[in-house]
Amino acid sequence: MKKGYIPNQHGAWAMLVIPFLFGMFAAKPVWLHAPLFLGWLLAYLFSYAFLQRLRTKKKTIYGKPMLIYGSLLVPIGLLLIVFDPALGRLAPAFIPMLLVNGYYARRNRERAFWNDLAAVVQFSLIVFVAYQVGGGSDWKLAAELFAFSVLYFTGTIFYVKTMIREKHNAKFYAYSVGYHLALLIAGALWFPPALLVPLAVLLVRAVWSPRTKLTVKQSGMLEIAYSVLIACSVLVVYL
């Protein structure tokens, strides 16, 4: 039951929450954010079961979770659109990335870089939705937070692979360090100067951690701390 209902993609939880917080606090928290987050969570749980159904073809395991999560998602989605009709125009933006994820799931290649990147973009799009619900009007700010979310979580793709699947791949390690260095430079050019400190921490992480004997569990626990650092830094700087 747990296998069918509870995702085992631990890194996805940070991507589920952090961009949502960016959009919500960049505008202002309102009561509608509560059902929005519930719907966002159900959408993730439904998509997980759906993609696993595509990948494994195990209808007996993933069919019922899809039915339950989908049945709960529909009325919440309708409620949100009733109170904020503009959300109906934002929802289709998620479809292309879901199609990319479906393509890779069908071919049992969920760990492919482009599949991970599509997931990062898809999760980060919630910035705009949460911002809309909060009554935000500065869409340049929303776009900047969306871009930061995409850039940060793309870095986690490189980093996590150097810690697990590509741990002894010197070429991929160079890609990861190079990306984080480029991210630091981009931060200096495009984002508030105060964000250079957490971005520098991420660069040190990318350089140092793969050379240590950190276990997967220890690495995951540290990643939670890094995610909290990034989330708090962005919220303090922008809000």
C-alpha atoms as a PDB file:
ATOM      1  CA  MET A   1       0.000   0.000   0.000  1.00  0.00           C
ATOM      2  CA  LYS A   2       2.776   2.419   0.893  1.00  0.00           C
ATOM      3  CA  LYS A   3       4.466   1.771  -2.432  1.00  0.00           C
ATOM      4  CA  GLY A   4       1.369   2.767  -4.336  1.00  0.00           C
ATOM      5  CA  TYR A   5       0.309   5.739  -2.226  1.00  0.00           C
ATOM      6  CA  ILE A   6       3.460   7.359  -0.852  1.00  0.00           C
ATOM      7  CA  PRO A   7       6.115   8.657  -3.281  1.00  0.00           C
ATOM      8  CA  ASN A   8       9.703   7.599  -2.612  1.00  0.00           C
ATOM      9  CA  GLN A   9      11.118  10.680  -4.360  1.00  0.00           C
ATOM     10  CA  HIS A  10      12.499  12.399  -1.268  1.00  0.00           C
ATOM     11  CA  GLY A  11      13.922  15.404  -3.104  1.00  0.00           C
ATOM     12  CA  ALA A  12      10.533  16.192  -4.606  1.00  0.00           C
ATOM     13  CA  TRP A  13       9.140  17.333  -1.259  1.00  0.00           C
ATOM     14  CA  ALA A  14      11.421  20.362  -1.179  1.00  0.00           C
ATOM     15  CA  MET A  15      10.415  21.209  -4.742  1.00  0.00           C
ATOM     16  CA  LEU A  16       6.785  20.833  -3.732  1.00  0.00           C
ATOM     17  CA  VAL A  17       7.028  23.309  -0.854  1.00  0.00           C
ATOM     18  CA  ILE A  18       9.722  25.905  -1.569  1.00  0.00           C
ATOM     19  CA  PRO A  19       8.422  27.396  -4.861  1.00  0.00           C
ATOM     20  CA  PHE A  20       4.940  27.488  -3.323  1.00  0.00           C
ATOM     21  CA  LEU A  21       6.288  29.535  -0.414  1.00  0.00           C
ATOM     22  CA  PHE A  22       8.086  31.858  -2.833  1.00  0.00           C
ATOM     23  CA  GLY A  23       4.863  32.670  -4.674  1.00  0.00           C
ATOM     24  CA  MET A  24       2.677  32.866  -1.585  1.00  0.00           C
ATOM     25  CA  PHE A  25       4.871  35.232   0.425  1.00  0.00           C
ATOM     26  CA  ALA A  26       5.854  37.327  -2.605  1.00  0.00           C
ATOM     27  CA  ALA A  27       2.179  38.286  -2.828  1.00  0.00           C
ATOM     28  CA  LYS A  28       0.489  37.731   0.524  1.00  0.00           C
ATOM     29  CA  PRO A  29      -0.872  34.649   2.300  1.00  0.00           C
ATOM     30  CA  VAL A  30      -4.658  34.337   1.999  1.00  0.00           C
ATOM     31  CA  TRP A  31      -7.102  31.624   3.016  1.00  0.00           C
ATOM     32  CA  LEU A  32      -7.269  30.297  -0.555  1.00  0.00           C
ATOM     33  CA  HIS A  33      -3.634  29.222  -0.284  1.00  0.00           C
ATOM     34  CA  ALA A  34      -4.712  26.396   2.055  1.00  0.00           C
ATOM     35  CA  PRO A  35      -6.907  24.586  -0.515  1.00  0.00           C
ATOM     36  CA  LEU A  36      -4.383  25.504  -3.199  1.00  0.00           C
ATOM     37  CA  PHE A  37      -1.611  23.700  -1.346  1.00  0.00           C
ATOM     38  CA  LEU A  38      -3.884  20.728  -0.703  1.00  0.00           C
ATOM     39  CA  GLY A  39      -4.688  20.606  -4.413  1.00  0.00           C
ATOM     40  CA  TRP A  40      -0.998  20.983  -5.269  1.00  0.00           C
ATOM     41  CA  LEU A  41      -0.142  18.078  -2.963  1.00  0.00           C
ATOM     42  CA  LEU A  42      -2.899  15.904  -4.449  1.00  0.00           C
ATOM     43  CA  ALA A  43      -1.753  16.796  -7.965  1.00  0.00           C
ATOM     44  CA  TYR A  44       1.740  15.595  -7.082  1.00  0.00           C
ATOM     45  CA  LEU A  45       0.463  12.383  -5.502  1.00  0.00           C
ATOM     46  CA  PHE A  46      -1.782  11.718  -8.497  1.00  0.00           C
ATOM     47  CA  SER A  47       0.979  12.409 -11.025  1.00  0.00           C
ATOM     48  CA  TYR A  48       3.362  10.147  -9.114  1.00  0.00           C
ATOM     49  CA  ALA A  49       0.915   7.244  -9.221  1.00  0.00           C
ATOM     50  CA  PHE A  50       0.121   7.996 -12.871  1.00  0.00           C
ATOM     51  CA  LEU A  51       3.765   8.049 -13.933  1.00  0.00           C
ATOM     52  CA  GLN A  52       4.546   4.884 -11.993  1.00  0.00           C
ATOM     53  CA  ARG A  53       1.570   3.237 -13.668  1.00  0.00           C
ATOM     54  CA  LEU A  54       3.049   4.202 -17.033  1.00  0.00           C
ATOM     55  CA  ARG A  55       6.498   2.978 -16.061  1.00  0.00           C
ATOM     56  CA  THR A  56       5.624  -0.342 -14.415  1.00  0.00           C
ATOM     57  CA  LYS A  57       2.232  -1.110 -16.015  1.00  0.00           C
ATOM     58  CA  LYS A  58       1.154  -2.301 -12.539  1.00  0.00           C
ATOM     59  CA  LYS A  59      -2.467  -1.228 -12.493  1.00  0.00           C
ATOM     60  CA  THR A  60      -3.211  -3.196  -9.324  1.00  0.00           C
ATOM     61  CA  ILE A  61      -0.710  -1.114  -7.346  1.00  0.00           C
ATOM     62  CA  TYR A  62      -1.156   2.330  -8.847  1.00  0.00           C
ATOM     63  CA  GLY A  63      -4.709   2.267 -10.206  1.00  0.00           C
ATOM     64  CA  LYS A  64      -6.450   2.825  -6.873  1.00  0.00           C
ATOM     65  CA  PRO A  65      -4.152   5.664  -5.723  1.00  0.00           C
ATOM     66  CA  MET A  66      -4.832   7.396  -9.045  1.00  0.00           C
ATOM     67  CA  LEU A  67      -8.574   7.019  -8.495  1.00  0.00           C
ATOM     68  CA  ILE A  68      -8.488   8.265  -4.893  1.00  0.00           C
ATOM     69  CA  TYR A  69      -6.148  11.199  -5.459  1.00  0.00           C
ATOM     70  CA  GLY A  70      -7.910  12.157  -8.684  1.00  0.00           C
ATOM     71  CA  SER A  71     -11.342  12.038  -7.047  1.00  0.00           C
ATOM     72  CA  LEU A  72     -10.146  14.366  -4.295  1.00  0.00           C
ATOM     73  CA  LEU A  73      -8.324  16.658  -6.696  1.00  0.00           C
ATOM     74  CA  VAL A  74     -11.262  17.403  -9.006  1.00  0.00           C
ATOM     75  CA  PRO A  75     -13.552  19.138  -6.476  1.00  0.00           C
ATOM     76  CA  ILE A  76     -10.649  21.091  -4.981  1.00  0.00           C
ATOM     77  CA  GLY A  77      -9.606  22.201  -8.444  1.00  0.00           C
ATOM     78  CA  LEU A  78     -13.148  23.331  -9.232  1.00  0.00           C
ATOM     79  CA  LEU A  79     -13.331  25.208  -5.918  1.00  0.00           C
ATOM     80  CA  LEU A  80     -10.116  27.061  -6.717  1.00  0.00           C
ATOM     81  CA  ILE A  81     -11.295  28.045 -10.186  1.00  0.00           C
ATOM     82  CA  VAL A  82     -14.624  29.261  -8.812  1.00  0.00           C
ATOM     83  CA  PHE A  83     -12.874  31.602  -6.369  1.00  0.00           C
ATOM     84  CA  ASP A  84     -10.077  32.576  -8.784  1.00  0.00           C
ATOM     85  CA  PRO A  85     -11.035  31.934 -12.447  1.00  0.00           C
ATOM     86  CA  ALA A  86      -7.569  33.072 -13.617  1.00  0.00           C
ATOM     87  CA  LEU A  87      -6.176  29.780 -12.322  1.00  0.00           C
ATOM     88  CA  GLY A  88      -7.905  28.041 -15.207  1.00  0.00           C
ATOM     89  CA  ARG A  89      -5.583  29.882 -17.581  1.00  0.00           C
ATOM     90  CA  LEU A  90      -2.468  28.921 -15.611  1.00  0.00           C
ATOM     91  CA  ALA A  91      -3.214  25.203 -15.306  1.00  0.00           C
ATOM     92  CA  PRO A  92      -2.376  24.274 -18.956  1.00  0.00           C
ATOM     93  CA  ALA A  93       1.214  25.499 -18.413  1.00  0.00           C
ATOM     94  CA  PHE A  94       1.901  22.318 -16.429  1.00  0.00           C
ATOM     95  CA  ILE A  95       0.840  19.941 -19.204  1.00  0.00           C
ATOM     96  CA  PRO A  96       3.967  20.069 -21.445  1.00  0.00           C
ATOM     97  CA  MET A  97       6.293  19.160 -18.577  1.00  0.00           C
ATOM     98  CA  LEU A  98       3.960  16.344 -17.492  1.00  0.00           C
ATOM     99  CA  LEU A  99       4.077  14.996 -21.047  1.00  0.00           C
ATOM    100  CA  VAL A 100       7.885  14.988 -20.898  1.00  0.00           C
ATOM    101  CA  ASN A 101       7.759  13.094 -17.600  1.00  0.00           C
ATOM    102  CA  GLY A 102       5.287  10.641 -19.139  1.00  0.00           C
ATOM    103  CA  TYR A 103       7.593  10.073 -22.100  1.00  0.00           C
ATOM    104  CA  TYR A 104      10.513   9.134 -19.864  1.00  0.00           C
ATOM    105  CA  ALA A 105       8.363   7.104 -17.480  1.00  0.00           C
ATOM    106  CA  ARG A 106       7.029   5.063 -20.387  1.00  0.00           C
ATOM    107  CA  ARG A 107      10.596   4.252 -21.376  1.00  0.00           C
ATOM    108  CA  ASN A 108      11.677   3.545 -17.793  1.00  0.00           C
ATOM    109  CA  ARG A 109      14.214   6.378 -17.902  1.00  0.00           C
ATOM    110  CA  GLU A 110      13.018   8.484 -14.981  1.00  0.00           C
ATOM    111  CA  ARG A 111      16.584   9.257 -13.898  1.00  0.00           C
ATOM    112  CA  ALA A 112      17.407  10.959 -17.197  1.00  0.00           C
ATOM    113  CA  PHE A 113      18.655  14.519 -16.815  1.00  0.00           C
ATOM    114  CA  TRP A 114      16.010  16.038 -19.105  1.00  0.00           C
ATOM    115  CA  ASN A 115      13.249  14.281 -17.200  1.00  0.00           C
ATOM    116  CA  ASP A 116      14.570  15.730 -13.941  1.00  0.00           C
ATOM    117  CA  LEU A 117      14.809  19.172 -15.526  1.00  0.00           C
ATOM    118  CA  ALA A 118      11.209  18.963 -16.743  1.00  0.00           C
ATOM    119  CA  ALA A 119      10.150  18.120 -13.182  1.00  0.00           C
ATOM    120  CA  VAL A 120      12.095  21.112 -11.840  1.00  0.00           C
ATOM    121  CA  VAL A 121      10.333  23.468 -14.265  1.00  0.00           C
ATOM    122  CA  GLN A 122       6.958  21.915 -13.481  1.00  0.00           C
ATOM    123  CA  PHE A 123       7.362  22.238  -9.721  1.00  0.00           C
ATOM    124  CA  SER A 124       8.679  25.790 -10.054  1.00  0.00           C
ATOM    125  CA  LEU A 125       5.619  26.904 -12.044  1.00  0.00           C
ATOM    126  CA  ILE A 126       3.609  26.864  -8.819  1.00  0.00           C
ATOM    127  CA  VAL A 127       5.329  30.182  -8.020  1.00  0.00           C
ATOM    128  CA  PHE A 128       3.001  31.881 -10.514  1.00  0.00           C
ATOM    129  CA  VAL A 129      -0.099  30.082  -9.254  1.00  0.00           C
ATOM    130  CA  ALA A 130       0.538  30.894  -5.583  1.00  0.00           C
ATOM    131  CA  TYR A 131       1.393  34.464  -6.560  1.00  0.00           C
ATOM    132  CA  GLN A 132      -1.870  34.810  -8.489  1.00  0.00           C
ATOM    133  CA  VAL A 133      -3.916  33.465  -5.574  1.00  0.00           C
ATOM    134  CA  GLY A 134      -2.262  35.966  -3.245  1.00  0.00           C
ATOM    135  CA  GLY A 135      -3.294  38.845  -5.491  1.00  0.00           C
ATOM    136  CA  GLY A 136       0.221  39.675  -6.649  1.00  0.00           C
ATOM    137  CA  SER A 137       0.623  42.188  -9.461  1.00  0.00           C
ATOM    138  CA  ASP A 138       4.402  42.450  -9.957  1.00  0.00           C
ATOM    139  CA  TRP A 139       4.856  39.607 -12.426  1.00  0.00           C
ATOM    140  CA  LYS A 140       8.486  40.540 -12.968  1.00  0.00           C
ATOM    141  CA  LEU A 141       9.071  39.608  -9.319  1.00  0.00           C
ATOM    142  CA  ALA A 142       7.194  36.324  -9.794  1.00  0.00           C
ATOM    143  CA  ALA A 143       9.271  35.543 -12.883  1.00  0.00           C
ATOM    144  CA  GLU A 144      12.484  36.282 -10.973  1.00  0.00           C
ATOM    145  CA  LEU A 145      11.475  33.913  -8.178  1.00  0.00           C
ATOM    146  CA  PHE A 146      10.492  31.280 -10.737  1.00  0.00           C
ATOM    147  CA  ALA A 147      13.889  31.628 -12.428  1.00  0.00           C
ATOM    148  CA  PHE A 148      15.710  31.351  -9.106  1.00  0.00           C
ATOM    149  CA  SER A 149      13.735  28.219  -8.241  1.00  0.00           C
ATOM    150  CA  VAL A 150      14.583  26.607 -11.576  1.00  0.00           C
ATOM    151  CA  LEU A 151      18.260  27.514 -11.309  1.00  0.00           C
ATOM    152  CA  TYR A 152      18.572  26.291  -7.714  1.00  0.00           C
ATOM    153  CA  PHE A 153      16.814  22.969  -8.216  1.00  0.00           C
ATOM    154  CA  THR A 154      18.658  22.330 -11.485  1.00  0.00           C
ATOM    155  CA  GLY A 155      21.819  22.555  -9.415  1.00  0.00           C
ATOM    156  CA  THR A 156      20.452  19.891  -7.088  1.00  0.00           C
ATOM    157  CA  ILE A 157      20.100  17.564 -10.090  1.00  0.00           C
ATOM    158  CA  PHE A 158      23.818  17.821 -10.780  1.00  0.00           C
ATOM    159  CA  TYR A 159      24.774  17.645  -7.116  1.00  0.00           C
ATOM    160  CA  VAL A 160      22.644  14.639  -6.172  1.00  0.00           C
ATOM    161  CA  LYS A 161      23.914  12.677  -9.160  1.00  0.00           C
ATOM    162  CA  THR A 162      27.516  13.325  -8.091  1.00  0.00           C
ATOM    163  CA  MET A 163      26.629  11.936  -4.661  1.00  0.00           C
ATOM    164  CA  ILE A 164      24.901   8.767  -5.872  1.00  0.00           C
ATOM    165  CA  ARG A 165      24.713   7.564  -9.480  1.00  0.00           C
ATOM    166  CA  GLU A 166      27.671   9.544 -10.824  1.00  0.00           C
ATOM    167  CA  LYS A 167      29.744   9.565  -7.629  1.00  0.00           C
ATOM    168  CA  HIS A 168      32.971   8.463  -9.294  1.00  0.00           C
ATOM    169  CA  ASN A 169      32.377  10.195 -12.611  1.00  0.00           C
ATOM    170  CA  ALA A 170      34.989  12.959 -12.836  1.00  0.00           C
ATOM    171  CA  LYS A 171      33.367  14.435 -15.929  1.00  0.00           C
ATOM    172  CA  PHE A 172      29.978  14.795 -14.283  1.00  0.00           C
ATOM    173  CA  TYR A 173      31.636  16.204 -11.157  1.00  0.00           C
ATOM    174  CA  ALA A 174      33.168  18.896 -13.374  1.00  0.00           C
ATOM    175  CA  TYR A 175      29.728  19.621 -14.843  1.00  0.00           C
ATOM    176  CA  SER A 176      28.292  20.031 -11.343  1.00  0.00           C
ATOM    177  CA  VAL A 177      31.048  22.339 -10.110  1.00  0.00           C
ATOM    178  CA  GLY A 178      30.939  24.318 -13.354  1.00  0.00           C
ATOM    179  CA  TYR A 179      27.190  24.745 -13.099  1.00  0.00           C
ATOM    180  CA  HIS A 180      27.346  25.973  -9.508  1.00  0.00           C
ATOM    181  CA  LEU A 181      30.131  28.394 -10.407  1.00  0.00           C
ATOM    182  CA  ALA A 182      27.994  29.701 -13.273  1.00  0.00           C
ATOM    183  CA  LEU A 183      25.054  29.950 -10.882  1.00  0.00           C
ATOM    184  CA  LEU A 184      27.113  32.093  -8.520  1.00  0.00           C
ATOM    185  CA  ILE A 185      28.084  34.386 -11.407  1.00  0.00           C
ATOM    186  CA  ALA A 186      24.464  34.561 -12.564  1.00  0.00           C
ATOM    187  CA  GLY A 187      23.462  35.423  -9.017  1.00  0.00           C
ATOM    188  CA  ALA A 188      25.908  38.326  -9.019  1.00  0.00           C
ATOM    189  CA  LEU A 189      24.433  39.621 -12.282  1.00  0.00           C
ATOM    190  CA  TRP A 190      20.705  39.005 -11.902  1.00  0.00           C
ATOM    191  CA  PHE A 191      19.775  38.587  -8.244  1.00  0.00           C
ATOM    192  CA  PRO A 192      20.129  40.670  -5.050  1.00  0.00           C
ATOM    193  CA  PRO A 193      23.704  40.644  -3.664  1.00  0.00           C
ATOM    194  CA  ALA A 194      22.592  39.058  -0.378  1.00  0.00           C
ATOM    195  CA  LEU A 195      21.855  35.821  -2.239  1.00  0.00           C
ATOM    196  CA  LEU A 196      25.528  35.426  -3.131  1.00  0.00           C
ATOM    197  CA  VAL A 197      26.222  33.992   0.329  1.00  0.00           C
ATOM    198  CA  PRO A 198      23.854  30.970   0.050  1.00  0.00           C
ATOM    199  CA  LEU A 199      24.881  30.482  -3.590  1.00  0.00           C
ATOM    200  CA  ALA A 200      28.529  30.398  -2.487  1.00  0.00           C
ATOM    201  CA  VAL A 201      27.590  27.782   0.120  1.00  0.00           C
ATOM    202  CA  LEU A 202      26.033  25.680  -2.654  1.00  0.00           C
ATOM    203  CA  LEU A 203      29.240  25.968  -4.694  1.00  0.00           C
ATOM    204  CA  VAL A 204      31.320  24.789  -1.726  1.00  0.00           C
ATOM    205  CA  ARG A 205      28.850  21.922  -1.289  1.00  0.00           C
ATOM    206  CA  ALA A 206      29.232  20.907  -4.927  1.00  0.00           C
ATOM    207  CA  VAL A 207      33.043  20.959  -4.651  1.00  0.00           C
ATOM    208  CA  TRP A 208      33.458  19.371  -1.238  1.00  0.00           C
ATOM    209  CA  SER A 209      30.666  16.867  -0.585  1.00  0.00           C
ATOM    210  CA  PRO A 210      31.357  14.400  -3.443  1.00  0.00           C
ATOM    211  CA  ARG A 211      34.936  14.079  -2.174  1.00  0.00           C
ATOM    212  CA  THR A 212      33.792  12.990   1.284  1.00  0.00           C
ATOM    213  CA  LYS A 213      32.476   9.681   2.594  1.00  0.00           C
ATOM    214  CA  LEU A 214      29.023  11.007   3.339  1.00  0.00           C
ATOM    215  CA  THR A 215      26.354   8.324   3.217  1.00  0.00           C
ATOM    216  CA  VAL A 216      23.208   8.806   1.149  1.00  0.00           C
ATOM    217  CA  LYS A 217      21.246   9.377   4.370  1.00  0.00           C
ATOM    218  CA  GLN A 218      23.713  11.960   5.658  1.00  0.00           C
ATOM    219  CA  SER A 219      23.728  13.692   2.297  1.00  0.00           C
ATOM    220  CA  GLY A 220      19.933  13.786   2.297  1.00  0.00           C
ATOM    221  CA  MET A 221      19.819  15.310   5.770  1.00  0.00           C
ATOM    222  CA  LEU A 222      22.305  17.980   4.754  1.00  0.00           C
ATOM    223  CA  GLU A 223      20.251  18.680   1.636  1.00  0.00           C
ATOM    224  CA  ILE A 224      17.292  19.516   3.862  1.00  0.00           C
ATOM    225  CA  ALA A 225      19.477  22.067   5.643  1.00  0.00           C
ATOM    226  CA  TYR A 226      20.620  23.549   2.325  1.00  0.00           C
ATOM    227  CA  SER A 227      17.001  23.798   1.154  1.00  0.00           C
ATOM    228  CA  VAL A 228      16.003  25.597   4.341  1.00  0.00           C
ATOM    229  CA  LEU A 229      18.957  27.967   3.909  1.00  0.00           C
ATOM    230  CA  ILE A 230      17.910  28.796   0.356  1.00  0.00           C
ATOM    231  CA  ALA A 231      14.233  29.205   1.228  1.00  0.00           C
ATOM    232  CA  CYS A 232      14.942  31.464   4.215  1.00  0.00           C
ATOM    233  CA  SER A 233      17.492  33.522   2.295  1.00  0.00           C
ATOM    234  CA  VAL A 234      15.121  34.173  -0.609  1.00  0.00           C
ATOM    235  CA  LEU A 235      12.191  35.014   1.670  1.00  0.00           C
ATOM    236  CA  VAL A 236      14.284  37.413   3.752  1.00  0.00           C
ATOM    237  CA  VAL A 237      15.825  39.114   0.715  1.00  0.00           C
ATOM    238  CA  TYR A 238      12.632  39.535  -1.288  1.00  0.00           C
ATOM    239  CA  LEU A 239      10.097  39.999   1.470  1.00  0.00           C
END
